[in-house]
Structure formats: structure tokens, C-alpha cells
């Protein structure tokens, strides 16, 4: 980044900060994935069921976004989860053209088991972050929102 690209009042983030953020994400993902694999699940399935248990029925694009998956991969995952009776596809009551994905009773049971498997990971992260958990959440939300805004096309440029 050149000097003129830094906004007044903003602290420039260096390469080490970006590397540390990547390492933290990689470490968190690996620990969660290891815990879930130990009970026959994977991170993508857990993310999908966590969303559906929390929000109820969701369209496929919302599921894909939450699970951090591209649409084709998410569709294949949901197909496998339907076959395993973990999720159900149902028409949207308000728009019959849309299909919503719901957690099945078996999926909710599986999620409770999977949540138990990741409890130690959650506890470890709570110990590491300590009283700064709310601050960390806020910073991560700010980073995510800022990156999303940066990816949007500038309407003034059109």
C-alpha cells in the first residue's frame, strides 16, 4: 500500500498482522475440524446444522454464505445431508418457487452430539481470549464488513 492510500487517522496494518490473522483462522478451523471428525462429522455439516437450528428454514444461498461454501459445493453437501436425514427440503410457504432447508429431528440430535465434541475447543478459545471476547467479535465483524464493502462495486465509478 502506498502512503497516499492510508486514510487519515487509520493505522496501517502490516504483513505480520495479516499473517497472524491467517494463522488464527487456520488453527481454529483445524481444531474444530479435528473435534468434529472424531465424531464422524465435518466443519461444513456443523456450520449448516448450526445455522438451521438457530434460524429455522433458510434458502440455499443463505446456507452457502453461512457455511462459507460456493453454491455448487453447498448443493452437494445438502444433497448428502438430505440422504443422511440430517436436513429436509421444503417449499417456502410464502413463495412456492423457493425451497428452504430445515434441520430434521435427526439433524438436531446430531448437532447436539457435534456441539459436545467442539465444547473443549470453545472452552480453550474462551480461555485464550478471556475478557476480550466481545472486543474480538467486534473487531472481526468490522474487518468482515469492511472487506465486504471493499468488494462491492463503486456506484460513483459507473
C-alpha atoms as a PDB file:
ATOM      1  CA  UNK A   1       0.000   0.000   0.000  1.00  0.00           C
ATOM      2  CA  UNK A   2       1.405   3.397  -0.921  1.00  0.00           C
ATOM      3  CA  UNK A   3       1.445   6.268   1.560  1.00  0.00           C
ATOM      4  CA  UNK A   4      -1.414   8.096  -0.189  1.00  0.00           C
ATOM      5  CA  UNK A   5      -3.697   5.052   0.207  1.00  0.00           C
ATOM      6  CA  UNK A   6      -3.706   5.316   4.009  1.00  0.00           C
ATOM      7  CA  UNK A   7      -6.665   7.319   5.314  1.00  0.00           C
ATOM      8  CA  UNK A   8      -6.017   9.986   7.944  1.00  0.00           C
ATOM      9  CA  UNK A   9      -6.468   8.581  11.439  1.00  0.00           C
ATOM     10  CA  UNK A  10      -6.079   4.962  10.265  1.00  0.00           C
ATOM     11  CA  UNK A  11      -3.283   2.757  11.488  1.00  0.00           C
ATOM     12  CA  UNK A  12      -1.664   0.791   8.704  1.00  0.00           C
ATOM     13  CA  UNK A  13      -1.898  -2.978   9.126  1.00  0.00           C
ATOM     14  CA  UNK A  14       1.361  -4.722   8.378  1.00  0.00           C
ATOM     15  CA  UNK A  15       2.067  -8.098   6.804  1.00  0.00           C
ATOM     16  CA  UNK A  16       2.601  -9.706  10.202  1.00  0.00           C
ATOM     17  CA  UNK A  17      -0.923  -8.751  11.299  1.00  0.00           C
ATOM     18  CA  UNK A  18      -2.364 -10.370   8.183  1.00  0.00           C
ATOM     19  CA  UNK A  19      -0.203 -13.469   8.700  1.00  0.00           C
ATOM     20  CA  UNK A  20      -1.318 -13.758  12.336  1.00  0.00           C
ATOM     21  CA  UNK A  21      -4.970 -13.429  11.318  1.00  0.00           C
ATOM     22  CA  UNK A  22      -4.474 -16.237   8.793  1.00  0.00           C
ATOM     23  CA  UNK A  23      -2.709 -18.413  11.367  1.00  0.00           C
ATOM     24  CA  UNK A  24      -5.502 -17.881  13.911  1.00  0.00           C
ATOM     25  CA  UNK A  25      -8.152 -18.819  11.339  1.00  0.00           C
ATOM     26  CA  UNK A  26      -6.198 -21.880  10.258  1.00  0.00           C
ATOM     27  CA  UNK A  27      -5.677 -23.002  13.864  1.00  0.00           C
ATOM     28  CA  UNK A  28      -9.334 -22.527  14.794  1.00  0.00           C
ATOM     29  CA  UNK A  29     -10.532 -24.375  11.694  1.00  0.00           C
ATOM     30  CA  UNK A  30      -8.132 -27.274  12.252  1.00  0.00           C
ATOM     31  CA  UNK A  31      -9.128 -27.732  15.899  1.00  0.00           C
ATOM     32  CA  UNK A  32     -12.833 -27.608  15.088  1.00  0.00           C
ATOM     33  CA  UNK A  33     -12.391 -29.983  12.152  1.00  0.00           C
ATOM     34  CA  UNK A  34     -10.393 -32.457  14.289  1.00  0.00           C
ATOM     35  CA  UNK A  35     -13.051 -32.412  17.025  1.00  0.00           C
ATOM     36  CA  UNK A  36     -15.866 -32.937  14.527  1.00  0.00           C
ATOM     37  CA  UNK A  37     -14.076 -35.692  12.598  1.00  0.00           C
ATOM     38  CA  UNK A  38     -13.647 -37.573  15.871  1.00  0.00           C
ATOM     39  CA  UNK A  39     -17.452 -37.955  15.933  1.00  0.00           C
ATOM     40  CA  UNK A  40     -17.927 -38.621  12.212  1.00  0.00           C
ATOM     41  CA  UNK A  41     -18.871 -35.098  11.127  1.00  0.00           C
ATOM     42  CA  UNK A  42     -17.152 -32.241   9.356  1.00  0.00           C
ATOM     43  CA  UNK A  43     -16.977 -28.490   9.720  1.00  0.00           C
ATOM     44  CA  UNK A  44     -19.276 -27.738   6.774  1.00  0.00           C
ATOM     45  CA  UNK A  45     -22.039 -30.017   8.096  1.00  0.00           C
ATOM     46  CA  UNK A  46     -21.719 -28.473  11.550  1.00  0.00           C
ATOM     47  CA  UNK A  47     -21.963 -24.946  10.164  1.00  0.00           C
ATOM     48  CA  UNK A  48     -25.064 -25.836   8.136  1.00  0.00           C
ATOM     49  CA  UNK A  49     -26.876 -27.501  11.031  1.00  0.00           C
ATOM     50  CA  UNK A  50     -25.861 -24.749  13.464  1.00  0.00           C
ATOM     51  CA  UNK A  51     -27.452 -22.157  11.188  1.00  0.00           C
ATOM     52  CA  UNK A  52     -30.630 -24.152  10.621  1.00  0.00           C
ATOM     53  CA  UNK A  53     -31.069 -24.960  14.314  1.00  0.00           C
ATOM     54  CA  UNK A  54     -30.665 -21.273  15.170  1.00  0.00           C
ATOM     55  CA  UNK A  55     -32.757 -19.681  12.399  1.00  0.00           C
ATOM     56  CA  UNK A  56     -35.080 -22.393  11.137  1.00  0.00           C
ATOM     57  CA  UNK A  57     -35.614 -22.796   7.413  1.00  0.00           C
ATOM     58  CA  UNK A  58     -33.194 -20.958   5.149  1.00  0.00           C
ATOM     59  CA  UNK A  59     -32.809 -20.695   1.381  1.00  0.00           C
ATOM     60  CA  UNK A  60     -29.768 -22.339  -0.163  1.00  0.00           C
ATOM     61  CA  UNK A  61     -27.919 -19.047  -0.791  1.00  0.00           C
ATOM     62  CA  UNK A  62     -28.101 -18.170   2.917  1.00  0.00           C
ATOM     63  CA  UNK A  63     -26.896 -21.657   3.868  1.00  0.00           C
ATOM     64  CA  UNK A  64     -23.991 -21.413   1.406  1.00  0.00           C
ATOM     65  CA  UNK A  65     -22.967 -17.976   2.657  1.00  0.00           C
ATOM     66  CA  UNK A  66     -23.086 -19.038   6.321  1.00  0.00           C
ATOM     67  CA  UNK A  67     -21.150 -22.250   5.661  1.00  0.00           C
ATOM     68  CA  UNK A  68     -18.572 -20.313   3.596  1.00  0.00           C
ATOM     69  CA  UNK A  69     -19.219 -22.520   0.565  1.00  0.00           C
ATOM     70  CA  UNK A  70     -19.731 -21.873  -3.122  1.00  0.00           C
ATOM     71  CA  UNK A  71     -23.259 -22.733  -4.286  1.00  0.00           C
ATOM     72  CA  UNK A  72     -22.373 -25.969  -6.170  1.00  0.00           C
ATOM     73  CA  UNK A  73     -20.429 -27.402  -3.224  1.00  0.00           C
ATOM     74  CA  UNK A  74     -23.194 -26.394  -0.824  1.00  0.00           C
ATOM     75  CA  UNK A  75     -25.820 -28.085  -3.014  1.00  0.00           C
ATOM     76  CA  UNK A  76     -23.835 -31.329  -2.997  1.00  0.00           C
ATOM     77  CA  UNK A  77     -23.360 -31.117   0.769  1.00  0.00           C
ATOM     78  CA  UNK A  78     -27.083 -30.518   1.330  1.00  0.00           C
ATOM     79  CA  UNK A  79     -27.880 -33.448  -1.003  1.00  0.00           C
ATOM     80  CA  UNK A  80     -25.688 -35.712   1.163  1.00  0.00           C
ATOM     81  CA  UNK A  81     -27.250 -34.322   4.339  1.00  0.00           C
ATOM     82  CA  UNK A  82     -30.759 -34.947   2.950  1.00  0.00           C
ATOM     83  CA  UNK A  83     -29.733 -38.540   2.151  1.00  0.00           C
ATOM     84  CA  UNK A  84     -28.475 -38.936   5.723  1.00  0.00           C
ATOM     85  CA  UNK A  85     -31.764 -37.462   7.025  1.00  0.00           C
ATOM     86  CA  UNK A  86     -29.941 -34.571   8.726  1.00  0.00           C
ATOM     87  CA  UNK A  87     -31.787 -31.849   6.805  1.00  0.00           C
ATOM     88  CA  UNK A  88     -35.059 -31.537   4.911  1.00  0.00           C
ATOM     89  CA  UNK A  89     -36.020 -29.523   1.844  1.00  0.00           C
ATOM     90  CA  UNK A  90     -39.439 -27.890   1.979  1.00  0.00           C
ATOM     91  CA  UNK A  91     -41.197 -25.347  -0.242  1.00  0.00           C
ATOM     92  CA  UNK A  92     -41.339 -21.827   1.201  1.00  0.00           C
ATOM     93  CA  UNK A  93     -44.892 -21.194   2.479  1.00  0.00           C
ATOM     94  CA  UNK A  94     -44.777 -17.603   1.190  1.00  0.00           C
ATOM     95  CA  UNK A  95     -43.110 -18.257  -2.168  1.00  0.00           C
ATOM     96  CA  UNK A  96     -43.697 -21.761  -3.520  1.00  0.00           C
ATOM     97  CA  UNK A  97     -40.918 -21.263  -6.092  1.00  0.00           C
ATOM     98  CA  UNK A  98     -38.306 -21.160  -3.307  1.00  0.00           C
ATOM     99  CA  UNK A  99     -37.055 -24.159  -1.387  1.00  0.00           C
ATOM    100  CA  UNK A 100     -35.979 -23.847   2.228  1.00  0.00           C
ATOM    101  CA  UNK A 101     -33.602 -26.129   4.088  1.00  0.00           C
ATOM    102  CA  UNK A 102     -34.539 -27.221   7.640  1.00  0.00           C
ATOM    103  CA  UNK A 103     -32.768 -29.307  10.265  1.00  0.00           C
ATOM    104  CA  UNK A 104     -34.516 -32.646  10.760  1.00  0.00           C
ATOM    105  CA  UNK A 105     -35.044 -34.204  14.192  1.00  0.00           C
ATOM    106  CA  UNK A 106     -32.089 -36.487  13.455  1.00  0.00           C
ATOM    107  CA  UNK A 107     -30.048 -33.441  12.409  1.00  0.00           C
ATOM    108  CA  UNK A 108     -30.811 -31.683  15.699  1.00  0.00           C
ATOM    109  CA  UNK A 109     -29.701 -34.782  17.612  1.00  0.00           C
ATOM    110  CA  UNK A 110     -26.514 -34.953  15.561  1.00  0.00           C
ATOM    111  CA  UNK A 111     -25.864 -31.254  16.164  1.00  0.00           C
ATOM    112  CA  UNK A 112     -26.183 -31.710  19.935  1.00  0.00           C
ATOM    113  CA  UNK A 113     -23.607 -34.519  19.724  1.00  0.00           C
ATOM    114  CA  UNK A 114     -21.329 -32.437  17.494  1.00  0.00           C
ATOM    115  CA  UNK A 115     -21.639 -29.415  19.791  1.00  0.00           C
ATOM    116  CA  UNK A 116     -20.479 -31.617  22.668  1.00  0.00           C
ATOM    117  CA  UNK A 117     -17.469 -32.629  20.576  1.00  0.00           C
ATOM    118  CA  UNK A 118     -16.464 -28.996  19.998  1.00  0.00           C
ATOM    119  CA  UNK A 119     -17.117 -27.892  23.595  1.00  0.00           C
ATOM    120  CA  UNK A 120     -13.443 -28.312  24.518  1.00  0.00           C
ATOM    121  CA  UNK A 121     -12.410 -26.195  21.522  1.00  0.00           C
ATOM    122  CA  UNK A 122     -14.853 -23.458  22.541  1.00  0.00           C
ATOM    123  CA  UNK A 123     -13.598 -23.611  26.118  1.00  0.00           C
ATOM    124  CA  UNK A 124      -9.970 -23.354  25.020  1.00  0.00           C
ATOM    125  CA  UNK A 125     -10.714 -20.311  22.880  1.00  0.00           C
ATOM    126  CA  UNK A 126     -12.612 -18.722  25.759  1.00  0.00           C
ATOM    127  CA  UNK A 127      -9.569 -19.221  27.976  1.00  0.00           C
ATOM    128  CA  UNK A 128      -7.237 -17.746  25.350  1.00  0.00           C
ATOM    129  CA  UNK A 129      -9.375 -14.675  24.620  1.00  0.00           C
ATOM    130  CA  UNK A 130     -10.589 -14.199  28.185  1.00  0.00           C
ATOM    131  CA  UNK A 131     -12.410 -10.947  28.884  1.00  0.00           C
ATOM    132  CA  UNK A 132     -11.615  -9.638  25.389  1.00  0.00           C
ATOM    133  CA  UNK A 133     -14.140 -11.909  23.623  1.00  0.00           C
ATOM    134  CA  UNK A 134     -16.594  -9.070  22.909  1.00  0.00           C
ATOM    135  CA  UNK A 135     -13.762  -6.891  21.585  1.00  0.00           C
ATOM    136  CA  UNK A 136     -12.508  -9.705  19.350  1.00  0.00           C
ATOM    137  CA  UNK A 137     -16.040 -10.260  17.978  1.00  0.00           C
ATOM    138  CA  UNK A 138     -16.381  -6.531  17.268  1.00  0.00           C
ATOM    139  CA  UNK A 139     -13.015  -6.340  15.506  1.00  0.00           C
ATOM    140  CA  UNK A 140     -13.759  -9.406  13.381  1.00  0.00           C
ATOM    141  CA  UNK A 141     -17.190  -8.016  12.449  1.00  0.00           C
ATOM    142  CA  UNK A 142     -15.571  -4.710  11.486  1.00  0.00           C
ATOM    143  CA  UNK A 143     -12.969  -6.482   9.340  1.00  0.00           C
ATOM    144  CA  UNK A 144     -15.622  -8.617   7.646  1.00  0.00           C
ATOM    145  CA  UNK A 145     -17.932  -5.662   6.970  1.00  0.00           C
ATOM    146  CA  UNK A 146     -15.047  -3.560   5.667  1.00  0.00           C
ATOM    147  CA  UNK A 147     -13.911  -6.295   3.311  1.00  0.00           C
ATOM    148  CA  UNK A 148     -17.471  -6.804   2.055  1.00  0.00           C
ATOM    149  CA  UNK A 149     -17.826  -3.063   1.371  1.00  0.00           C
ATOM    150  CA  UNK A 150     -14.462  -3.038  -0.419  1.00  0.00           C
ATOM    151  CA  UNK A 151     -15.632  -5.886  -2.686  1.00  0.00           C
ATOM    152  CA  UNK A 152     -18.786  -4.012  -3.748  1.00  0.00           C
ATOM    153  CA  UNK A 153     -18.596  -2.045  -6.989  1.00  0.00           C
ATOM    154  CA  UNK A 154     -18.406   1.724  -6.516  1.00  0.00           C
ATOM    155  CA  UNK A 155     -21.635   3.205  -7.961  1.00  0.00           C
ATOM    156  CA  UNK A 156     -19.866   6.557  -8.489  1.00  0.00           C
ATOM    157  CA  UNK A 157     -17.364   4.841 -10.810  1.00  0.00           C
ATOM    158  CA  UNK A 158     -20.132   3.839 -13.253  1.00  0.00           C
END
